[in-house]
Amino acid sequence: MTTFDPFEVLNLEKTYSLDLNKLEKHYFAEQKKSHPDQCAQADEQQKAEAVKKSTAVNQAYLILKDPLRRAEYLLKAAGIEMLSSDPSFLGKVMTWNERLETGEDLKPTLYDEETMLLKDLTTAFMVKDYEKARIAIYRLTYVQKLLKQRDE
């Protein structure tokens, strides 16, 4: 059984810094080739393969267009475990939660933090600093969760 590689599925270089326009072009090209409608006259096995390929193309695109999911994939592919805690980040989290409880709008602060962490991820992958990437992924996951909660 081969492992799923979204970069391979979309014929892209395995790198964190992706050109999103290029990603989209590769996605549409692969989707066009693999779309089940292309196999309307095919036998059931060929149709099933087309559905499987189309699903893989969609899954690959969803992973690669999301900077957090792309980073998580690259770390896992490198055999590196995700961070399960970050004690140095706890103070900031507690402060944010206290401010949120008072009704303060933290969206601008959280968006700034998200932007900084995405830059940290880009730099970390560029220089192969996987520990810095692990930390940024952990923190970004938390920041995005808070932002999502604010939008609900």
N, C-alpha and C. Protein backbone atom coordinates (compact mmCIF):
# COMPACT_ATOMS: atom_id res chain seq x y z
N MET A 1 0.84 -1.19 0.00
CA MET A 1 0.00 0.00 0.00
C MET A 1 0.88 1.25 0.00
N THR A 2 0.67 2.12 -0.95
CA THR A 2 1.44 3.36 -1.00
C THR A 2 0.76 4.41 -0.14
N THR A 3 1.56 5.27 0.43
CA THR A 3 0.98 6.33 1.25
C THR A 3 0.54 7.48 0.36
N PHE A 4 -0.49 8.14 0.80
CA PHE A 4 -1.06 9.27 0.06
C PHE A 4 -0.11 10.45 0.13
N ASP A 5 0.29 10.97 -1.03
CA ASP A 5 1.15 12.14 -1.11
C ASP A 5 0.44 13.19 -1.97
N PRO A 6 -0.11 14.22 -1.35
CA PRO A 6 -0.85 15.22 -2.11
C PRO A 6 0.00 15.93 -3.17
N PHE A 7 1.29 16.08 -2.90
CA PHE A 7 2.18 16.72 -3.87
C PHE A 7 2.31 15.84 -5.12
N GLU A 8 2.44 14.56 -4.89
CA GLU A 8 2.55 13.62 -6.01
C GLU A 8 1.25 13.56 -6.81
N VAL A 9 0.13 13.52 -6.12
CA VAL A 9 -1.17 13.46 -6.78
C VAL A 9 -1.34 14.64 -7.74
N LEU A 10 -0.87 15.81 -7.34
CA LEU A 10 -1.04 17.02 -8.15
C LEU A 10 0.23 17.39 -8.93
N ASN A 11 1.20 16.50 -8.95
CA ASN A 11 2.45 16.72 -9.70
C ASN A 11 3.12 18.04 -9.34
N LEU A 12 3.31 18.25 -8.04
CA LEU A 12 3.95 19.46 -7.54
C LEU A 12 5.19 19.11 -6.73
N GLU A 13 6.13 20.05 -6.70
CA GLU A 13 7.32 19.90 -5.87
C GLU A 13 6.89 19.89 -4.41
N LYS A 14 7.52 19.00 -3.62
CA LYS A 14 7.18 18.89 -2.21
C LYS A 14 7.87 20.01 -1.44
N THR A 15 7.14 21.10 -1.26
CA THR A 15 7.67 22.27 -0.57
C THR A 15 6.54 22.99 0.15
N TYR A 16 6.87 23.67 1.24
CA TYR A 16 5.84 24.40 1.97
C TYR A 16 5.39 25.63 1.18
N SER A 17 6.33 26.34 0.59
CA SER A 17 6.02 27.57 -0.13
C SER A 17 5.49 27.24 -1.52
N LEU A 18 4.17 27.19 -1.62
CA LEU A 18 3.53 26.86 -2.89
C LEU A 18 2.95 28.11 -3.53
N ASP A 19 3.06 28.17 -4.85
CA ASP A 19 2.38 29.20 -5.62
C ASP A 19 0.93 28.72 -5.75
N LEU A 20 0.01 29.43 -5.11
CA LEU A 20 -1.39 28.98 -5.09
C LEU A 20 -2.03 28.97 -6.47
N ASN A 21 -1.58 29.85 -7.37
CA ASN A 21 -2.09 29.83 -8.74
C ASN A 21 -1.65 28.55 -9.44
N LYS A 22 -0.40 28.17 -9.22
CA LYS A 22 0.13 26.94 -9.82
C LYS A 22 -0.61 25.73 -9.23
N LEU A 23 -0.84 25.76 -7.93
CA LEU A 23 -1.59 24.69 -7.27
C LEU A 23 -2.96 24.53 -7.93
N GLU A 24 -3.64 25.65 -8.12
CA GLU A 24 -4.97 25.60 -8.71
C GLU A 24 -4.93 25.06 -10.15
N LYS A 25 -3.94 25.49 -10.91
CA LYS A 25 -3.82 25.01 -12.30
C LYS A 25 -3.60 23.50 -12.33
N HIS A 26 -2.71 23.01 -11.46
CA HIS A 26 -2.45 21.58 -11.40
C HIS A 26 -3.70 20.82 -10.94
N TYR A 27 -4.41 21.39 -9.99
CA TYR A 27 -5.64 20.77 -9.49
C TYR A 27 -6.65 20.61 -10.63
N PHE A 28 -6.91 21.70 -11.35
CA PHE A 28 -7.91 21.64 -12.42
C PHE A 28 -7.47 20.70 -13.55
N ALA A 29 -6.17 20.67 -13.84
CA ALA A 29 -5.66 19.77 -14.89
C ALA A 29 -5.87 18.31 -14.49
N GLU A 30 -5.53 18.00 -13.23
CA GLU A 30 -5.70 16.61 -12.75
C GLU A 30 -7.18 16.26 -12.62
N GLN A 31 -7.98 17.22 -12.18
CA GLN A 31 -9.41 16.97 -12.02
C GLN A 31 -10.05 16.69 -13.39
N LYS A 32 -9.62 17.44 -14.38
CA LYS A 32 -10.16 17.25 -15.73
C LYS A 32 -9.83 15.84 -16.24
N LYS A 33 -8.59 15.39 -15.98
CA LYS A 33 -8.17 14.06 -16.43
C LYS A 33 -8.89 12.94 -15.69
N SER A 34 -9.18 13.18 -14.41
CA SER A 34 -9.69 12.09 -13.58
C SER A 34 -11.18 12.15 -13.28
N HIS A 35 -11.85 13.18 -13.74
CA HIS A 35 -13.26 13.33 -13.39
C HIS A 35 -14.07 12.14 -13.91
N PRO A 36 -14.92 11.58 -13.06
CA PRO A 36 -15.73 10.41 -13.45
C PRO A 36 -16.55 10.62 -14.72
N ASP A 37 -16.95 11.85 -15.03
CA ASP A 37 -17.72 12.11 -16.26
C ASP A 37 -16.91 11.75 -17.51
N GLN A 38 -15.58 11.74 -17.38
CA GLN A 38 -14.72 11.38 -18.51
C GLN A 38 -14.84 9.89 -18.84
N CYS A 39 -15.40 9.13 -17.92
CA CYS A 39 -15.47 7.67 -18.07
C CYS A 39 -16.89 7.17 -18.25
N ALA A 40 -17.75 7.99 -18.79
CA ALA A 40 -19.16 7.61 -18.91
C ALA A 40 -19.35 6.31 -19.69
N GLN A 41 -18.49 6.05 -20.66
CA GLN A 41 -18.61 4.85 -21.48
C GLN A 41 -17.74 3.70 -20.97
N ALA A 42 -17.05 3.89 -19.86
CA ALA A 42 -16.12 2.89 -19.35
C ALA A 42 -16.85 1.80 -18.57
N ASP A 43 -16.12 0.72 -18.28
CA ASP A 43 -16.71 -0.34 -17.48
C ASP A 43 -16.71 0.07 -16.00
N GLU A 44 -17.34 -0.73 -15.16
CA GLU A 44 -17.50 -0.38 -13.74
C GLU A 44 -16.17 -0.21 -13.02
N GLN A 45 -15.20 -1.04 -13.33
CA GLN A 45 -13.89 -0.94 -12.67
C GLN A 45 -13.20 0.38 -13.04
N GLN A 46 -13.27 0.76 -14.30
CA GLN A 46 -12.67 2.02 -14.73
C GLN A 46 -13.39 3.21 -14.09
N LYS A 47 -14.70 3.11 -13.97
CA LYS A 47 -15.47 4.19 -13.31
C LYS A 47 -15.07 4.30 -11.84
N ALA A 48 -14.93 3.15 -11.18
CA ALA A 48 -14.53 3.15 -9.77
C ALA A 48 -13.14 3.75 -9.60
N GLU A 49 -12.22 3.42 -10.52
CA GLU A 49 -10.86 4.00 -10.47
C GLU A 49 -10.91 5.51 -10.68
N ALA A 50 -11.77 5.96 -11.58
CA ALA A 50 -11.89 7.40 -11.83
C ALA A 50 -12.41 8.12 -10.60
N VAL A 51 -13.39 7.53 -9.93
CA VAL A 51 -13.92 8.13 -8.70
C VAL A 51 -12.83 8.18 -7.63
N LYS A 52 -12.08 7.10 -7.50
CA LYS A 52 -10.98 7.04 -6.52
C LYS A 52 -9.93 8.12 -6.82
N LYS A 53 -9.54 8.24 -8.08
CA LYS A 53 -8.54 9.23 -8.48
C LYS A 53 -9.07 10.65 -8.26
N SER A 54 -10.33 10.88 -8.63
CA SER A 54 -10.93 12.20 -8.46
C SER A 54 -10.99 12.58 -6.98
N THR A 55 -11.32 11.62 -6.14
CA THR A 55 -11.35 11.85 -4.69
C THR A 55 -9.96 12.20 -4.17
N ALA A 56 -8.94 11.49 -4.65
CA ALA A 56 -7.56 11.76 -4.23
C ALA A 56 -7.14 13.16 -4.66
N VAL A 57 -7.52 13.55 -5.87
CA VAL A 57 -7.18 14.89 -6.37
C VAL A 57 -7.83 15.96 -5.49
N ASN A 58 -9.11 15.76 -5.15
CA ASN A 58 -9.80 16.73 -4.29
C ASN A 58 -9.17 16.79 -2.91
N GLN A 59 -8.84 15.63 -2.34
CA GLN A 59 -8.22 15.59 -1.02
C GLN A 59 -6.86 16.28 -1.04
N ALA A 60 -6.08 16.01 -2.08
CA ALA A 60 -4.76 16.63 -2.20
C ALA A 60 -4.88 18.15 -2.25
N TYR A 61 -5.83 18.63 -3.03
CA TYR A 61 -6.03 20.07 -3.16
C TYR A 61 -6.41 20.70 -1.82
N LEU A 62 -7.32 20.07 -1.09
CA LEU A 62 -7.74 20.61 0.20
C LEU A 62 -6.58 20.68 1.19
N ILE A 63 -5.71 19.69 1.17
CA ILE A 63 -4.56 19.68 2.07
C ILE A 63 -3.57 20.78 1.68
N LEU A 64 -3.26 20.85 0.39
CA LEU A 64 -2.21 21.76 -0.04
C LEU A 64 -2.62 23.23 -0.06
N LYS A 65 -3.91 23.51 -0.24
CA LYS A 65 -4.30 24.93 -0.26
C LYS A 65 -4.37 25.53 1.14
N ASP A 66 -4.43 24.69 2.16
CA ASP A 66 -4.49 25.16 3.55
C ASP A 66 -3.07 25.14 4.13
N PRO A 67 -2.50 26.29 4.45
CA PRO A 67 -1.12 26.34 4.93
C PRO A 67 -0.86 25.48 6.17
N LEU A 68 -1.85 25.41 7.06
CA LEU A 68 -1.68 24.60 8.28
C LEU A 68 -1.67 23.10 7.94
N ARG A 69 -2.62 22.67 7.15
CA ARG A 69 -2.69 21.25 6.77
C ARG A 69 -1.47 20.85 5.93
N ARG A 70 -1.02 21.76 5.07
CA ARG A 70 0.18 21.49 4.26
C ARG A 70 1.40 21.31 5.17
N ALA A 71 1.52 22.17 6.17
CA ALA A 71 2.65 22.08 7.11
C ALA A 71 2.58 20.77 7.91
N GLU A 72 1.38 20.43 8.37
CA GLU A 72 1.22 19.18 9.12
C GLU A 72 1.62 17.98 8.26
N TYR A 73 1.18 17.99 7.00
CA TYR A 73 1.53 16.88 6.11
C TYR A 73 3.05 16.78 5.94
N LEU A 74 3.69 17.91 5.70
CA LEU A 74 5.15 17.89 5.46
C LEU A 74 5.92 17.39 6.68
N LEU A 75 5.48 17.78 7.88
CA LEU A 75 6.15 17.29 9.08
C LEU A 75 5.97 15.79 9.23
N LYS A 76 4.74 15.33 9.07
CA LYS A 76 4.46 13.90 9.19
C LYS A 76 5.25 13.12 8.13
N ALA A 77 5.32 13.65 6.92
CA ALA A 77 6.06 12.99 5.84
C ALA A 77 7.55 12.90 6.16
N ALA A 78 8.03 13.85 6.94
CA ALA A 78 9.43 13.85 7.36
C ALA A 78 9.65 12.97 8.59
N GLY A 79 8.58 12.35 9.07
CA GLY A 79 8.68 11.47 10.23
C GLY A 79 8.76 12.21 11.55
N ILE A 80 8.28 13.42 11.57
CA ILE A 80 8.37 14.26 12.78
C ILE A 80 7.00 14.35 13.44
N GLU A 81 6.98 14.10 14.74
CA GLU A 81 5.74 14.13 15.52
C GLU A 81 5.29 15.57 15.76
N MET A 82 3.97 15.74 15.82
CA MET A 82 3.42 17.05 16.16
C MET A 82 3.69 17.34 17.64
N LEU A 83 3.73 18.59 17.97
CA LEU A 83 3.90 19.02 19.35
C LEU A 83 2.59 18.80 20.09
N SER A 84 2.65 18.28 21.31
CA SER A 84 1.42 18.04 22.07
C SER A 84 1.16 19.12 23.12
N SER A 85 2.17 19.93 23.40
CA SER A 85 1.97 21.05 24.32
C SER A 85 3.09 22.07 24.10
N ASP A 86 2.84 23.26 24.58
CA ASP A 86 3.82 24.35 24.44
C ASP A 86 3.68 25.25 25.67
N PRO A 87 4.36 24.88 26.78
CA PRO A 87 4.23 25.64 28.02
C PRO A 87 4.55 27.13 27.87
N SER A 88 5.47 27.48 26.98
CA SER A 88 5.83 28.89 26.83
C SER A 88 4.71 29.70 26.16
N PHE A 89 3.76 29.01 25.54
CA PHE A 89 2.64 29.67 24.86
C PHE A 89 1.44 29.81 25.81
N LEU A 90 1.46 29.06 26.91
CA LEU A 90 0.33 29.01 27.84
C LEU A 90 -0.04 30.37 28.41
N GLY A 91 0.94 31.18 28.75
CA GLY A 91 0.66 32.51 29.31
C GLY A 91 -0.13 33.37 28.35
N LYS A 92 0.25 33.35 27.09
CA LYS A 92 -0.44 34.13 26.07
C LYS A 92 -1.88 33.64 25.91
N VAL A 93 -2.04 32.34 25.92
CA VAL A 93 -3.37 31.73 25.78
C VAL A 93 -4.26 32.14 26.95
N MET A 94 -3.71 32.08 28.15
CA MET A 94 -4.49 32.45 29.34
C MET A 94 -4.90 33.92 29.27
N THR A 95 -4.00 34.78 28.85
CA THR A 95 -4.31 36.21 28.71
C THR A 95 -5.41 36.42 27.69
N TRP A 96 -5.30 35.75 26.54
CA TRP A 96 -6.34 35.87 25.51
C TRP A 96 -7.70 35.42 26.05
N ASN A 97 -7.71 34.30 26.75
CA ASN A 97 -8.98 33.79 27.28
C ASN A 97 -9.59 34.76 28.29
N GLU A 98 -8.75 35.36 29.13
CA GLU A 98 -9.25 36.35 30.09
C GLU A 98 -9.84 37.55 29.36
N ARG A 99 -9.14 38.01 28.34
CA ARG A 99 -9.62 39.16 27.57
C ARG A 99 -10.93 38.82 26.84
N LEU A 100 -11.02 37.60 26.32
CA LEU A 100 -12.24 37.18 25.63
C LEU A 100 -13.41 37.11 26.61
N GLU A 101 -13.16 36.66 27.84
CA GLU A 101 -14.22 36.56 28.84
C GLU A 101 -14.79 37.94 29.19
N THR A 102 -13.98 38.98 29.06
CA THR A 102 -14.46 40.33 29.34
C THR A 102 -15.20 40.92 28.13
N GLY A 103 -15.25 40.16 27.04
CA GLY A 103 -15.96 40.61 25.85
C GLY A 103 -15.11 41.38 24.86
N GLU A 104 -13.82 41.44 25.11
CA GLU A 104 -12.94 42.17 24.20
C GLU A 104 -12.88 41.48 22.83
N ASP A 105 -12.84 42.28 21.78
CA ASP A 105 -12.71 41.75 20.42
C ASP A 105 -11.23 41.51 20.13
N LEU A 106 -10.85 40.25 20.09
CA LEU A 106 -9.45 39.89 19.87
C LEU A 106 -9.13 39.57 18.42
N LYS A 107 -10.09 39.73 17.54
CA LYS A 107 -9.85 39.36 16.13
C LYS A 107 -8.59 40.03 15.56
N PRO A 108 -8.41 41.34 15.72
CA PRO A 108 -7.20 41.95 15.14
C PRO A 108 -5.91 41.34 15.72
N THR A 109 -5.89 41.11 17.01
CA THR A 109 -4.73 40.50 17.66
C THR A 109 -4.49 39.10 17.14
N LEU A 110 -5.57 38.32 17.04
CA LEU A 110 -5.44 36.93 16.59
C LEU A 110 -5.04 36.86 15.12
N TYR A 111 -5.58 37.75 14.30
CA TYR A 111 -5.17 37.78 12.89
C TYR A 111 -3.70 38.15 12.75
N ASP A 112 -3.23 39.10 13.56
CA ASP A 112 -1.81 39.46 13.55
C ASP A 112 -0.95 38.26 13.96
N GLU A 113 -1.40 37.56 14.98
CA GLU A 113 -0.67 36.36 15.45
C GLU A 113 -0.65 35.30 14.36
N GLU A 114 -1.79 35.11 13.70
CA GLU A 114 -1.87 34.12 12.62
C GLU A 114 -0.89 34.47 11.49
N THR A 115 -0.86 35.73 11.10
CA THR A 115 0.06 36.19 10.05
C THR A 115 1.50 35.92 10.44
N MET A 116 1.85 36.24 11.68
CA MET A 116 3.22 36.03 12.16
C MET A 116 3.57 34.54 12.15
N LEU A 117 2.64 33.70 12.59
CA LEU A 117 2.90 32.26 12.64
C LEU A 117 3.02 31.65 11.25
N LEU A 118 2.24 32.14 10.30
CA LEU A 118 2.37 31.66 8.92
C LEU A 118 3.73 32.04 8.34
N LYS A 119 4.22 33.23 8.67
CA LYS A 119 5.57 33.64 8.24
C LYS A 119 6.62 32.75 8.90
N ASP A 120 6.42 32.45 10.19
CA ASP A 120 7.35 31.56 10.90
C ASP A 120 7.40 30.19 10.23
N LEU A 121 6.24 29.68 9.82
CA LEU A 121 6.20 28.38 9.14
C LEU A 121 6.98 28.42 7.84
N THR A 122 6.76 29.46 7.06
CA THR A 122 7.47 29.59 5.79
C THR A 122 8.98 29.58 6.02
N THR A 123 9.43 30.37 6.96
CA THR A 123 10.86 30.43 7.27
C THR A 123 11.37 29.10 7.80
N ALA A 124 10.61 28.49 8.70
CA ALA A 124 11.04 27.22 9.30
C ALA A 124 11.23 26.14 8.23
N PHE A 125 10.30 26.04 7.31
CA PHE A 125 10.43 25.02 6.26
C PHE A 125 11.54 25.37 5.27
N MET A 126 11.74 26.65 5.04
CA MET A 126 12.78 27.09 4.11
C MET A 126 14.16 26.64 4.61
N VAL A 127 14.37 26.75 5.93
CA VAL A 127 15.68 26.40 6.50
C VAL A 127 15.67 25.03 7.18
N LYS A 128 14.56 24.30 6.99
CA LYS A 128 14.40 22.95 7.57
C LYS A 128 14.55 22.94 9.09
N ASP A 129 14.01 23.97 9.74
CA ASP A 129 13.98 24.04 11.21
C ASP A 129 12.65 23.44 11.67
N TYR A 130 12.64 22.11 11.79
CA TYR A 130 11.39 21.41 12.08
C TYR A 130 10.88 21.66 13.49
N GLU A 131 11.76 21.98 14.41
CA GLU A 131 11.31 22.29 15.77
C GLU A 131 10.52 23.61 15.75
N LYS A 132 11.04 24.59 15.02
CA LYS A 132 10.32 25.87 14.89
C LYS A 132 8.98 25.63 14.17
N ALA A 133 8.96 24.76 13.18
CA ALA A 133 7.72 24.44 12.47
C ALA A 133 6.72 23.77 13.41
N ARG A 134 7.19 22.84 14.25
CA ARG A 134 6.31 22.16 15.21
C ARG A 134 5.64 23.18 16.14
N ILE A 135 6.43 24.11 16.62
CA ILE A 135 5.91 25.13 17.54
C ILE A 135 4.89 26.01 16.82
N ALA A 136 5.23 26.45 15.62
CA ALA A 136 4.33 27.32 14.86
C ALA A 136 3.02 26.61 14.54
N ILE A 137 3.09 25.33 14.18
CA ILE A 137 1.88 24.56 13.88
C ILE A 137 0.99 24.46 15.11
N TYR A 138 1.61 24.13 16.24
CA TYR A 138 0.84 24.02 17.48
C TYR A 138 0.12 25.33 17.80
N ARG A 139 0.86 26.42 17.75
CA ARG A 139 0.30 27.72 18.08
C ARG A 139 -0.75 28.16 17.06
N LEU A 140 -0.47 27.93 15.79
CA LEU A 140 -1.40 28.32 14.73
C LEU A 140 -2.71 27.55 14.85
N THR A 141 -2.63 26.29 15.20
CA THR A 141 -3.84 25.49 15.40
C THR A 141 -4.71 26.15 16.47
N TYR A 142 -4.11 26.58 17.55
CA TYR A 142 -4.84 27.20 18.64
C TYR A 142 -5.43 28.55 18.21
N VAL A 143 -4.63 29.36 17.55
CA VAL A 143 -5.09 30.69 17.12
C VAL A 143 -6.26 30.55 16.14
N GLN A 144 -6.15 29.63 15.19
CA GLN A 144 -7.23 29.46 14.23
C GLN A 144 -8.50 28.92 14.89
N LYS A 145 -8.32 28.09 15.90
CA LYS A 145 -9.47 27.60 16.65
C LYS A 145 -10.18 28.76 17.36
N LEU A 146 -9.41 29.65 17.96
CA LEU A 146 -10.01 30.82 18.62
C LEU A 146 -10.73 31.72 17.61
N LEU A 147 -10.11 31.93 16.46
CA LEU A 147 -10.73 32.75 15.42
C LEU A 147 -12.04 32.13 14.95
N LYS A 148 -12.04 30.83 14.78
CA LYS A 148 -13.25 30.14 14.33
C LYS A 148 -14.35 30.27 15.38
N GLN A 149 -14.00 30.15 16.66
CA GLN A 149 -14.97 30.30 17.73
C GLN A 149 -15.56 31.70 17.74
N ARG A 150 -14.74 32.68 17.41
CA ARG A 150 -15.21 34.07 17.40
C ARG A 150 -16.21 34.28 16.26
N ASP A 151 -16.04 33.54 15.17
CA ASP A 151 -16.91 33.71 14.00
C ASP A 151 -18.24 32.98 14.17
N GLU A 152 -18.32 32.06 15.12
CA GLU A 152 -19.56 31.28 15.30
C GLU A 152 -20.55 32.00 16.16
